[in-house]
PDB file of N, CA and C in Angstrom:
ATOM      1  N   MET A   1       0.836  -1.177   0.000  1.00  0.00           N
ATOM      2  CA  MET A   1       0.000   0.000   0.000  1.00  0.00           C
ATOM      3  C   MET A   1       0.882   1.241   0.000  1.00  0.00           C
ATOM      4  N   ASP A   2       0.538   2.223  -0.830  1.00  0.00           N
ATOM      5  CA  ASP A   2       1.325   3.443  -0.838  1.00  0.00           C
ATOM      6  C   ASP A   2       0.776   4.437   0.174  1.00  0.00           C
ATOM      7  N   ARG A   3       1.333   5.629   0.183  1.00  0.00           N
ATOM      8  CA  ARG A   3       0.983   6.612   1.209  1.00  0.00           C
ATOM      9  C   ARG A   3      -0.460   7.087   1.127  1.00  0.00           C
ATOM     10  N   LYS A   4      -1.134   6.904   0.004  1.00  0.00           N
ATOM     11  CA  LYS A   4      -2.519   7.346  -0.127  1.00  0.00           C
ATOM     12  C   LYS A   4      -3.509   6.253   0.296  1.00  0.00           C
ATOM     13  N   GLY A   5      -2.995   5.110   0.731  1.00  0.00           N
ATOM     14  CA  GLY A   5      -3.878   4.030   1.137  1.00  0.00           C
ATOM     15  C   GLY A   5      -4.453   3.255  -0.038  1.00  0.00           C
ATOM     16  N   GLU A   6      -3.898   3.480  -1.233  1.00  0.00           N
ATOM     17  CA  GLU A   6      -4.369   2.786  -2.420  1.00  0.00           C
ATOM     18  C   GLU A   6      -3.359   1.705  -2.790  1.00  0.00           C
ATOM     19  N   TYR A   7      -3.853   0.657  -3.426  1.00  0.00           N
ATOM     20  CA  TYR A   7      -2.959  -0.412  -3.863  1.00  0.00           C
ATOM     21  C   TYR A   7      -2.413  -0.097  -5.236  1.00  0.00           C
ATOM     22  N   GLY A   8      -1.359  -0.782  -5.582  1.00  0.00           N
ATOM     23  CA  GLY A   8      -0.774  -0.626  -6.894  1.00  0.00           C
ATOM     24  C   GLY A   8       0.465   0.237  -6.850  1.00  0.00           C
ATOM     25  N   LYS A   9       1.142   0.261  -7.986  1.00  0.00           N
ATOM     26  CA  LYS A   9       2.312   1.122  -8.090  1.00  0.00           C
ATOM     27  C   LYS A   9       2.448   1.574  -9.520  1.00  0.00           C
ATOM     28  N   LEU A  10       3.078   2.694  -9.688  1.00  0.00           N
ATOM     29  CA  LEU A  10       3.323   3.242 -11.004  1.00  0.00           C
ATOM     30  C   LEU A  10       4.336   2.359 -11.720  1.00  0.00           C
ATOM     31  N   VAL A  11       4.028   1.990 -12.953  1.00  0.00           N
ATOM     32  CA  VAL A  11       4.932   1.156 -13.744  1.00  0.00           C
ATOM     33  C   VAL A  11       5.198   1.820 -15.080  1.00  0.00           C
ATOM     34  N   ARG A  12       6.271   1.408 -15.721  1.00  0.00           N
ATOM     35  CA  ARG A  12       6.595   1.918 -17.052  1.00  0.00           C
ATOM     36  C   ARG A  12       5.471   1.570 -18.024  1.00  0.00           C
ATOM     37  N   ASP A  13       5.326   2.405 -19.053  1.00  0.00           N
ATOM     38  CA  ASP A  13       4.219   2.277 -19.997  1.00  0.00           C
ATOM     39  C   ASP A  13       4.154   0.912 -20.684  1.00  0.00           C
ATOM     40  N   GLY A  14       5.279   0.267 -20.899  1.00  0.00           N
ATOM     41  CA  GLY A  14       5.296  -1.011 -21.609  1.00  0.00           C
ATOM     42  C   GLY A  14       5.039  -2.232 -20.742  1.00  0.00           C
ATOM     43  N   ILE A  15       4.941  -2.058 -19.434  1.00  0.00           N
ATOM     44  CA  ILE A  15       4.794  -3.202 -18.529  1.00  0.00           C
ATOM     45  C   ILE A  15       3.494  -3.980 -18.762  1.00  0.00           C
ATOM     46  N   PRO A  16       2.342  -3.328 -18.964  1.00  0.00           N
ATOM     47  CA  PRO A  16       1.133  -4.124 -19.203  1.00  0.00           C
ATOM     48  C   PRO A  16       1.266  -5.065 -20.408  1.00  0.00           C
ATOM     49  N   GLN A  17       1.888  -4.585 -21.486  1.00  0.00           N
ATOM     50  CA  GLN A  17       2.069  -5.450 -22.655  1.00  0.00           C
ATOM     51  C   GLN A  17       3.015  -6.612 -22.348  1.00  0.00           C
ATOM     52  N   ILE A  18       4.065  -6.347 -21.601  1.00  0.00           N
ATOM     53  CA  ILE A  18       4.993  -7.412 -21.215  1.00  0.00           C
ATOM     54  C   ILE A  18       4.262  -8.464 -20.388  1.00  0.00           C
ATOM     55  N   ILE A  19       3.376  -8.031 -19.498  1.00  0.00           N
ATOM     56  CA  ILE A  19       2.584  -8.968 -18.687  1.00  0.00           C
ATOM     57  C   ILE A  19       1.679  -9.790 -19.599  1.00  0.00           C
ATOM     58  N   ARG A  20       1.027  -9.133 -20.569  1.00  0.00           N
ATOM     59  CA  ARG A  20       0.157  -9.868 -21.515  1.00  0.00           C
ATOM     60  C   ARG A  20       0.952 -10.911 -22.293  1.00  0.00           C
ATOM     61  N   GLU A  21       2.141 -10.537 -22.735  1.00  0.00           N
ATOM     62  CA  GLU A  21       2.984 -11.470 -23.483  1.00  0.00           C
ATOM     63  C   GLU A  21       3.400 -12.653 -22.627  1.00  0.00           C
ATOM     64  N   GLY A  22       3.401 -12.460 -21.310  1.00  0.00           N
ATOM     65  CA  GLY A  22       3.703 -13.554 -20.390  1.00  0.00           C
ATOM     66  C   GLY A  22       2.493 -14.422 -20.073  1.00  0.00           C
ATOM     67  N   GLY A  23       1.332 -14.097 -20.647  1.00  0.00           N
ATOM     68  CA  GLY A  23       0.157 -14.934 -20.496  1.00  0.00           C
ATOM     69  C   GLY A  23      -0.837 -14.475 -19.437  1.00  0.00           C
ATOM     70  N   ALA A  24      -0.591 -13.353 -18.781  1.00  0.00           N
ATOM     71  CA  ALA A  24      -1.526 -12.849 -17.769  1.00  0.00           C
ATOM     72  C   ALA A  24      -2.204 -11.585 -18.298  1.00  0.00           C
ATOM     73  N   GLU A  25      -3.286 -11.211 -17.652  1.00  0.00           N
ATOM     74  CA  GLU A  25      -3.985  -9.979 -18.018  1.00  0.00           C
ATOM     75  C   GLU A  25      -3.838  -8.980 -16.870  1.00  0.00           C
ATOM     76  N   PRO A  26      -3.111  -7.887 -17.093  1.00  0.00           N
ATOM     77  CA  PRO A  26      -2.894  -6.922 -16.016  1.00  0.00           C
ATOM     78  C   PRO A  26      -4.162  -6.122 -15.712  1.00  0.00           C
ATOM     79  N   VAL A  27      -4.311  -5.762 -14.455  1.00  0.00           N
ATOM     80  CA  VAL A  27      -5.388  -4.870 -14.036  1.00  0.00           C
ATOM     81  C   VAL A  27      -4.741  -3.518 -13.783  1.00  0.00           C
ATOM     82  N   THR A  28      -5.143  -2.521 -14.562  1.00  0.00           N
ATOM     83  CA  THR A  28      -4.517  -1.204 -14.488  1.00  0.00           C
ATOM     84  C   THR A  28      -5.566  -0.103 -14.566  1.00  0.00           C
ATOM     85  N   TYR A  29      -5.153   1.096 -14.266  1.00  0.00           N
ATOM     86  CA  TYR A  29      -5.945   2.295 -14.536  1.00  0.00           C
ATOM     87  C   TYR A  29      -4.975   3.445 -14.741  1.00  0.00           C
ATOM     88  N   VAL A  30      -5.454   4.531 -15.287  1.00  0.00           N
ATOM     89  CA  VAL A  30      -4.628   5.713 -15.516  1.00  0.00           C
ATOM     90  C   VAL A  30      -4.841   6.672 -14.351  1.00  0.00           C
ATOM     91  N   ALA A  31      -3.771   7.033 -13.690  1.00  0.00           N
ATOM     92  CA  ALA A  31      -3.828   7.945 -12.550  1.00  0.00           C
ATOM     93  C   ALA A  31      -4.173   9.357 -13.004  1.00  0.00           C
ATOM     94  N   GLY A  32      -4.871  10.071 -12.162  1.00  0.00           N
ATOM     95  CA  GLY A  32      -5.091  11.494 -12.387  1.00  0.00           C
ATOM     96  C   GLY A  32      -3.804  12.253 -12.112  1.00  0.00           C
ATOM     97  N   GLN A  33      -3.791  13.538 -12.430  1.00  0.00           N
ATOM     98  CA  GLN A  33      -2.575  14.345 -12.301  1.00  0.00           C
ATOM     99  C   GLN A  33      -2.003  14.351 -10.887  1.00  0.00           C
ATOM    100  N   GLU A  34      -2.836  14.566  -9.883  1.00  0.00           N
ATOM    101  CA  GLU A  34      -2.329  14.636  -8.508  1.00  0.00           C
ATOM    102  C   GLU A  34      -1.792  13.283  -8.055  1.00  0.00           C
ATOM    103  N   GLU A  35      -2.533  12.218  -8.338  1.00  0.00           N
ATOM    104  CA  GLU A  35      -2.060  10.882  -7.962  1.00  0.00           C
ATOM    105  C   GLU A  35      -0.784  10.538  -8.720  1.00  0.00           C
ATOM    106  N   TYR A  36      -0.723  10.900 -10.001  1.00  0.00           N
ATOM    107  CA  TYR A  36       0.465  10.642 -10.807  1.00  0.00           C
ATOM    108  C   TYR A  36       1.692  11.305 -10.188  1.00  0.00           C
ATOM    109  N   ARG A  37       1.558  12.584  -9.818  1.00  0.00           N
ATOM    110  CA  ARG A  37       2.668  13.303  -9.182  1.00  0.00           C
ATOM    111  C   ARG A  37       3.093  12.613  -7.890  1.00  0.00           C
ATOM    112  N   ASP A  38       2.122  12.227  -7.065  1.00  0.00           N
ATOM    113  CA  ASP A  38       2.432  11.553  -5.810  1.00  0.00           C
ATOM    114  C   ASP A  38       3.104  10.204  -6.051  1.00  0.00           C
ATOM    115  N   ARG A  39       2.607   9.463  -7.019  1.00  0.00           N
ATOM    116  CA  ARG A  39       3.195   8.151  -7.310  1.00  0.00           C
ATOM    117  C   ARG A  39       4.586   8.287  -7.918  1.00  0.00           C
ATOM    118  N   LEU A  40       4.822   9.338  -8.690  1.00  0.00           N
ATOM    119  CA  LEU A  40       6.173   9.576  -9.193  1.00  0.00           C
ATOM    120  C   LEU A  40       7.137   9.845  -8.048  1.00  0.00           C
ATOM    121  N   ARG A  41       6.702  10.602  -7.065  1.00  0.00           N
ATOM    122  CA  ARG A  41       7.557  10.859  -5.897  1.00  0.00           C
ATOM    123  C   ARG A  41       7.854   9.551  -5.170  1.00  0.00           C
ATOM    124  N   ASP A  42       6.829   8.708  -5.012  1.00  0.00           N
ATOM    125  CA  ASP A  42       7.038   7.393  -4.398  1.00  0.00           C
ATOM    126  C   ASP A  42       8.023   6.570  -5.229  1.00  0.00           C
ATOM    127  N   LYS A  43       7.840   6.613  -6.543  1.00  0.00           N
ATOM    128  CA  LYS A  43       8.688   5.843  -7.456  1.00  0.00           C
ATOM    129  C   LYS A  43      10.130   6.326  -7.376  1.00  0.00           C
ATOM    130  N   LEU A  44      10.332   7.634  -7.232  1.00  0.00           N
ATOM    131  CA  LEU A  44      11.691   8.154  -7.108  1.00  0.00           C
ATOM    132  C   LEU A  44      12.381   7.551  -5.891  1.00  0.00           C
ATOM    133  N   GLY A  45      11.683   7.503  -4.765  1.00  0.00           N
ATOM    134  CA  GLY A  45      12.253   6.883  -3.570  1.00  0.00           C
ATOM    135  C   GLY A  45      12.580   5.418  -3.797  1.00  0.00           C
ATOM    136  N   GLU A  46      11.675   4.708  -4.476  1.00  0.00           N
ATOM    137  CA  GLU A  46      11.888   3.283  -4.779  1.00  0.00           C
ATOM    138  C   GLU A  46      13.121   3.091  -5.661  1.00  0.00           C
ATOM    139  N   GLU A  47      13.231   3.904  -6.701  1.00  0.00           N
ATOM    140  CA  GLU A  47      14.358   3.762  -7.629  1.00  0.00           C
ATOM    141  C   GLU A  47      15.680   4.168  -6.976  1.00  0.00           C
ATOM    142  N   VAL A  48      15.667   5.194  -6.147  1.00  0.00           N
ATOM    143  CA  VAL A  48      16.891   5.587  -5.432  1.00  0.00           C
ATOM    144  C   VAL A  48      17.320   4.461  -4.500  1.00  0.00           C
ATOM    145  N   ALA A  49      16.375   3.852  -3.797  1.00  0.00           N
ATOM    146  CA  ALA A  49      16.707   2.731  -2.906  1.00  0.00           C
ATOM    147  C   ALA A  49      17.330   1.584  -3.693  1.00  0.00           C
ATOM    148  N   GLU A  50      16.777   1.276  -4.872  1.00  0.00           N
ATOM    149  CA  GLU A  50      17.344   0.211  -5.702  1.00  0.00           C
ATOM    150  C   GLU A  50      18.755   0.572  -6.156  1.00  0.00           C
ATOM    151  N   PHE A  51      18.975   1.838  -6.505  1.00  0.00           N
ATOM    152  CA  PHE A  51      20.315   2.272  -6.885  1.00  0.00           C
ATOM    153  C   PHE A  51      21.292   2.106  -5.722  1.00  0.00           C
ATOM    154  N   LEU A  52      20.877   2.514  -4.533  1.00  0.00           N
ATOM    155  CA  LEU A  52      21.763   2.434  -3.373  1.00  0.00           C
ATOM    156  C   LEU A  52      22.122   0.993  -3.013  1.00  0.00           C
ATOM    157  N   GLU A  53      21.240   0.063  -3.322  1.00  0.00           N
ATOM    158  CA  GLU A  53      21.488  -1.349  -3.021  1.00  0.00           C
ATOM    159  C   GLU A  53      22.239  -2.067  -4.129  1.00  0.00           C
ATOM    160  N   ALA A  54      22.347  -1.458  -5.304  1.00  0.00           N
ATOM    161  CA  ALA A  54      22.947  -2.123  -6.462  1.00  0.00           C
ATOM    162  C   ALA A  54      24.468  -2.170  -6.348  1.00  0.00           C
ATOM    163  N   ASP A  55      25.046  -3.251  -6.879  1.00  0.00           N
ATOM    164  CA  ASP A  55      26.503  -3.298  -6.982  1.00  0.00           C
ATOM    165  C   ASP A  55      26.923  -2.475  -8.197  1.00  0.00           C
ATOM    166  N   ASP A  56      28.214  -2.293  -8.369  1.00  0.00           N
ATOM    167  CA  ASP A  56      28.706  -1.423  -9.430  1.00  0.00           C
ATOM    168  C   ASP A  56      28.280  -1.876 -10.827  1.00  0.00           C
ATOM    169  N   SER A  57      28.070  -3.164 -11.029  1.00  0.00           N
ATOM    170  CA  SER A  57      27.681  -3.633 -12.359  1.00  0.00           C
ATOM    171  C   SER A  57      26.223  -3.279 -12.688  1.00  0.00           C
ATOM    172  N   LYS A  58      25.347  -3.209 -11.689  1.00  0.00           N
ATOM    173  CA  LYS A  58      23.932  -2.883 -11.901  1.00  0.00           C
ATOM    174  C   LYS A  58      23.629  -1.406 -11.670  1.00  0.00           C
ATOM    175  N   ALA A  59      24.542  -0.688 -11.026  1.00  0.00           N
ATOM    176  CA  ALA A  59      24.289   0.710 -10.662  1.00  0.00           C
ATOM    177  C   ALA A  59      23.942   1.608 -11.856  1.00  0.00           C
ATOM    178  N   PRO A  60      24.632   1.497 -13.004  1.00  0.00           N
ATOM    179  CA  PRO A  60      24.264   2.378 -14.120  1.00  0.00           C
ATOM    180  C   PRO A  60      22.821   2.179 -14.593  1.00  0.00           C
ATOM    181  N   GLU A  61      22.364   0.932 -14.625  1.00  0.00           N
ATOM    182  CA  GLU A  61      20.980   0.658 -15.022  1.00  0.00           C
ATOM    183  C   GLU A  61      20.001   1.256 -14.016  1.00  0.00           C
ATOM    184  N   GLU A  62      20.299   1.106 -12.735  1.00  0.00           N
ATOM    185  CA  GLU A  62      19.428   1.669 -11.697  1.00  0.00           C
ATOM    186  C   GLU A  62      19.456   3.194 -11.729  1.00  0.00           C
ATOM    187  N   LEU A  63      20.612   3.774 -12.000  1.00  0.00           N
ATOM    188  CA  LEU A  63      20.718   5.223 -12.097  1.00  0.00           C
ATOM    189  C   LEU A  63      19.907   5.741 -13.290  1.00  0.00           C
ATOM    190  N   ALA A  64      19.889   4.990 -14.380  1.00  0.00           N
ATOM    191  CA  ALA A  64      19.060   5.360 -15.538  1.00  0.00           C
ATOM    192  C   ALA A  64      17.580   5.348 -15.161  1.00  0.00           C
ATOM    193  N   ASP A  65      17.174   4.403 -14.316  1.00  0.00           N
ATOM    194  CA  ASP A  65      15.783   4.375 -13.837  1.00  0.00           C
ATOM    195  C   ASP A  65      15.478   5.619 -13.012  1.00  0.00           C
ATOM    196  N   VAL A  66      16.423   6.035 -12.183  1.00  0.00           N
ATOM    197  CA  VAL A  66      16.251   7.261 -11.396  1.00  0.00           C
ATOM    198  C   VAL A  66      16.058   8.444 -12.348  1.00  0.00           C
ATOM    199  N   MET A  67      16.887   8.516 -13.384  1.00  0.00           N
ATOM    200  CA  MET A  67      16.788   9.620 -14.340  1.00  0.00           C
ATOM    201  C   MET A  67      15.447   9.628 -15.061  1.00  0.00           C
ATOM    202  N   GLU A  68      14.926   8.455 -15.386  1.00  0.00           N
ATOM    203  CA  GLU A  68      13.625   8.369 -16.056  1.00  0.00           C
ATOM    204  C   GLU A  68      12.540   8.984 -15.188  1.00  0.00           C
ATOM    205  N   VAL A  69      12.570   8.672 -13.896  1.00  0.00           N
ATOM    206  CA  VAL A  69      11.583   9.233 -12.979  1.00  0.00           C
ATOM    207  C   VAL A  69      11.814  10.735 -12.799  1.00  0.00           C
ATOM    208  N   VAL A  70      13.064  11.163 -12.710  1.00  0.00           N
ATOM    209  CA  VAL A  70      13.368  12.588 -12.578  1.00  0.00           C
ATOM    210  C   VAL A  70      12.829  13.357 -13.789  1.00  0.00           C
ATOM    211  N   HIS A  71      13.008  12.826 -14.976  1.00  0.00           N
ATOM    212  CA  HIS A  71      12.498  13.492 -16.177  1.00  0.00           C
ATOM    213  C   HIS A  71      10.978  13.557 -16.163  1.00  0.00           C
ATOM    214  N   ALA A  72      10.313  12.492 -15.712  1.00  0.00           N
ATOM    215  CA  ALA A  72       8.846  12.499 -15.626  1.00  0.00           C
ATOM    216  C   ALA A  72       8.380  13.527 -14.596  1.00  0.00           C
ATOM    217  N   LEU A  73       9.060  13.599 -13.457  1.00  0.00           N
ATOM    218  CA  LEU A  73       8.704  14.594 -12.439  1.00  0.00           C
ATOM    219  C   LEU A  73       8.916  16.015 -12.963  1.00  0.00           C
ATOM    220  N   ALA A  74      10.004  16.227 -13.668  1.00  0.00           N
ATOM    221  CA  ALA A  74      10.257  17.547 -14.242  1.00  0.00           C
ATOM    222  C   ALA A  74       9.126  17.928 -15.201  1.00  0.00           C
ATOM    223  N   ALA A  75       8.697  16.989 -16.028  1.00  0.00           N
ATOM    224  CA  ALA A  75       7.607  17.263 -16.968  1.00  0.00           C
ATOM    225  C   ALA A  75       6.325  17.640 -16.232  1.00  0.00           C
ATOM    226  N   VAL A  76       6.040  16.949 -15.126  1.00  0.00           N
ATOM    227  CA  VAL A  76       4.866  17.281 -14.316  1.00  0.00           C
ATOM    228  C   VAL A  76       4.959  18.714 -13.798  1.00  0.00           C
ATOM    229  N   LEU A  77       6.172  19.148 -13.499  1.00  0.00           N
ATOM    230  CA  LEU A  77       6.401  20.504 -13.001  1.00  0.00           C
ATOM    231  C   LEU A  77       6.503  21.529 -14.132  1.00  0.00           C
ATOM    232  N   GLY A  78       6.349  21.072 -15.358  1.00  0.00           N
ATOM    233  CA  GLY A  78       6.395  21.974 -16.500  1.00  0.00           C
ATOM    234  C   GLY A  78       7.796  22.320 -16.964  1.00  0.00           C
ATOM    235  N   VAL A  79       8.749  21.454 -16.636  1.00  0.00           N
ATOM    236  CA  VAL A  79      10.150  21.682 -16.991  1.00  0.00           C
ATOM    237  C   VAL A  79      10.601  20.540 -17.902  1.00  0.00           C
ATOM    238  N   ASP A  80      11.123  20.885 -19.087  1.00  0.00           N
ATOM    239  CA  ASP A  80      11.615  19.815 -19.957  1.00  0.00           C
ATOM    240  C   ASP A  80      13.076  19.498 -19.615  1.00  0.00           C
ATOM    241  N   ALA A  81      13.601  18.464 -20.242  1.00  0.00           N
ATOM    242  CA  ALA A  81      14.959  17.999 -19.924  1.00  0.00           C
ATOM    243  C   ALA A  81      15.998  19.098 -20.166  1.00  0.00           C
ATOM    244  N   ARG A  82      15.821  19.890 -21.209  1.00  0.00           N
ATOM    245  CA  ARG A  82      16.764  20.967 -21.514  1.00  0.00           C
ATOM    246  C   ARG A  82      16.735  22.029 -20.414  1.00  0.00           C
ATOM    247  N   GLN A  83      15.534  22.406 -19.965  1.00  0.00           N
ATOM    248  CA  GLN A  83      15.415  23.392 -18.883  1.00  0.00           C
ATOM    249  C   GLN A  83      16.008  22.842 -17.589  1.00  0.00           C
ATOM    250  N   LEU A  84      15.757  21.576 -17.312  1.00  0.00           N
ATOM    251  CA  LEU A  84      16.296  20.952 -16.108  1.00  0.00           C
ATOM    252  C   LEU A  84      17.823  20.981 -16.128  1.00  0.00           C
ATOM    253  N   GLU A  85      18.400  20.700 -17.279  1.00  0.00           N
ATOM    254  CA  GLU A  85      19.857  20.737 -17.412  1.00  0.00           C
ATOM    255  C   GLU A  85      20.388  22.160 -17.215  1.00  0.00           C
ATOM    256  N   LYS A  86      19.672  23.152 -17.711  1.00  0.00           N
ATOM    257  CA  LYS A  86      20.083  24.545 -17.515  1.00  0.00           C
ATOM    258  C   LYS A  86      20.055  24.912 -16.032  1.00  0.00           C
ATOM    259  N   ILE A  87      19.045  24.452 -15.315  1.00  0.00           N
ATOM    260  CA  ILE A  87      18.956  24.699 -13.869  1.00  0.00           C
ATOM    261  C   ILE A  87      20.137  24.044 -13.165  1.00  0.00           C
ATOM    262  N   ARG A  88      20.428  22.790 -13.551  1.00  0.00           N
ATOM    263  CA  ARG A  88      21.567  22.078 -12.958  1.00  0.00           C
ATOM    264  C   ARG A  88      22.866  22.816 -13.221  1.00  0.00           C
ATOM    265  N   GLU A  89      23.058  23.242 -14.464  1.00  0.00           N
ATOM    266  CA  GLU A  89      24.280  23.961 -14.826  1.00  0.00           C
ATOM    267  C   GLU A  89      24.414  25.265 -14.045  1.00  0.00           C
ATOM    268  N   ALA A  90      23.325  25.996 -13.891  1.00  0.00           N
ATOM    269  CA  ALA A  90      23.368  27.260 -13.145  1.00  0.00           C
ATOM    270  C   ALA A  90      23.757  27.013 -11.693  1.00  0.00           C
ATOM    271  N   LYS A  91      23.207  25.983 -11.088  1.00  0.00           N
ATOM    272  CA  LYS A  91      23.570  25.659  -9.706  1.00  0.00           C
ATOM    273  C   LYS A  91      25.032  25.247  -9.620  1.00  0.00           C
ATOM    274  N   ALA A  92      25.497  24.495 -10.599  1.00  0.00           N
ATOM    275  CA  ALA A  92      26.902  24.068 -10.608  1.00  0.00           C
ATOM    276  C   ALA A  92      27.824  25.276 -10.760  1.00  0.00           C
ATOM    277  N   MET A  93      27.426  26.234 -11.581  1.00  0.00           N
ATOM    278  CA  MET A  93      28.247  27.443 -11.755  1.00  0.00           C
ATOM    279  C   MET A  93      28.267  28.261 -10.466  1.00  0.00           C
ATOM    280  N   GLU A  94      27.138  28.344  -9.791  1.00  0.00           N
ATOM    281  CA  GLU A  94      27.030  29.148  -8.579  1.00  0.00           C
ATOM    282  C   GLU A  94      27.695  28.499  -7.380  1.00  0.00           C
ATOM    283  N   ARG A  95      27.485  27.191  -7.204  1.00  0.00           N
ATOM    284  CA  ARG A  95      27.927  26.511  -5.985  1.00  0.00           C
ATOM    285  C   ARG A  95      28.920  25.385  -6.229  1.00  0.00           C
ATOM    286  N   GLY A  96      29.152  25.066  -7.493  1.00  0.00           N
ATOM    287  CA  GLY A  96      30.052  23.966  -7.822  1.00  0.00           C
ATOM    288  C   GLY A  96      29.294  22.665  -7.970  1.00  0.00           C
ATOM    289  N   GLY A  97      30.034  21.654  -8.400  1.00  0.00           N
ATOM    290  CA  GLY A  97      29.473  20.312  -8.526  1.00  0.00           C
ATOM    291  C   GLY A  97      29.995  19.444  -7.393  1.00  0.00           C
ATOM    292  N   PHE A  98      30.256  18.201  -7.705  1.00  0.00           N
ATOM    293  CA  PHE A  98      30.754  17.267  -6.695  1.00  0.00           C
ATOM    294  C   PHE A  98      32.048  16.581  -7.126  1.00  0.00           C
ATOM    295  N   SER A  99      32.630  17.011  -8.232  1.00  0.00           N
ATOM    296  CA  SER A  99      33.795  16.320  -8.782  1.00  0.00           C
ATOM    297  C   SER A  99      35.062  16.467  -7.937  1.00  0.00           C
ATOM    298  N   ASP A 100      35.124  17.483  -7.086  1.00  0.00           N
ATOM    299  CA  ASP A 100      36.311  17.654  -6.242  1.00  0.00           C
ATOM    300  C   ASP A 100      36.294  16.755  -5.004  1.00  0.00           C
ATOM    301  N   ARG A 101      35.206  16.035  -4.780  1.00  0.00           N
ATOM    302  CA  ARG A 101      35.075  15.041  -3.698  1.00  0.00           C
ATOM    303  C   ARG A 101      35.264  15.649  -2.309  1.00  0.00           C
ATOM    304  N   ILE A 102      34.822  16.876  -2.112  1.00  0.00           N
ATOM    305  CA  ILE A 102      34.983  17.581  -0.833  1.00  0.00           C
ATOM    306  C   ILE A 102      33.970  17.058   0.180  1.00  0.00           C
ATOM    307  N   VAL A 103      34.447  16.726   1.371  1.00  0.00           N
ATOM    308  CA  VAL A 103      33.589  16.294   2.476  1.00  0.00           C
ATOM    309  C   VAL A 103      33.687  17.342   3.570  1.00  0.00           C
ATOM    310  N   TRP A 104      32.565  17.920   3.955  1.00  0.00           N
ATOM    311  CA  TRP A 104      32.523  18.942   5.014  1.00  0.00           C
ATOM    312  C   TRP A 104      32.285  18.269   6.337  1.00  0.00           C
ATOM    313  N   THR A 105      33.052  18.631   7.348  1.00  0.00           N
ATOM    314  CA  THR A 105      32.908  18.026   8.677  1.00  0.00           C
ATOM    315  C   THR A 105      32.515  19.037   9.756  1.00  0.00           C
ATOM    316  N   GLY A 106      32.226  20.267   9.356  1.00  0.00           N
ATOM    317  CA  GLY A 106      31.802  21.283  10.314  1.00  0.00           C
ATOM    318  C   GLY A 106      32.638  22.535  10.211  1.00  0.00           C
ATOM    319  N   ASN A 107      32.421  23.467  11.137  1.00  0.00           N
ATOM    320  CA  ASN A 107      33.148  24.742  11.159  1.00  0.00           C
ATOM    321  C   ASN A 107      33.959  24.867  12.435  1.00  0.00           C
ATOM    322  N   ARG A 108      34.966  25.735  12.404  1.00  0.00           N
ATOM    323  CA  ARG A 108      35.765  26.027  13.597  1.00  0.00           C
ATOM    324  C   ARG A 108      35.322  27.330  14.178  1.00  0.00           C
TER     325      ARG A 108
END
């Protein structure tokens, strides 16, 4: 059960067909906008957890799943992938990225 007390989970668009090809008939419905946004947020947590548990050989695939959900969430917010990248770049220019591997341990 998800946070709204409803059963089910958001799945990729091709999953119902894959289930049919496996010989079963999926039971599905199309979420409304608010439920879709909420389920995408749930899905992001699920995909991040899978990434964190993955070994290095599976991590790129799991990270791609995270990106798929991030792009869907951005679209819900009215931001396309190009705009999202511009926002990321602006933040990186202002505050830096993570490539220097700096770990902060507090102030003196």
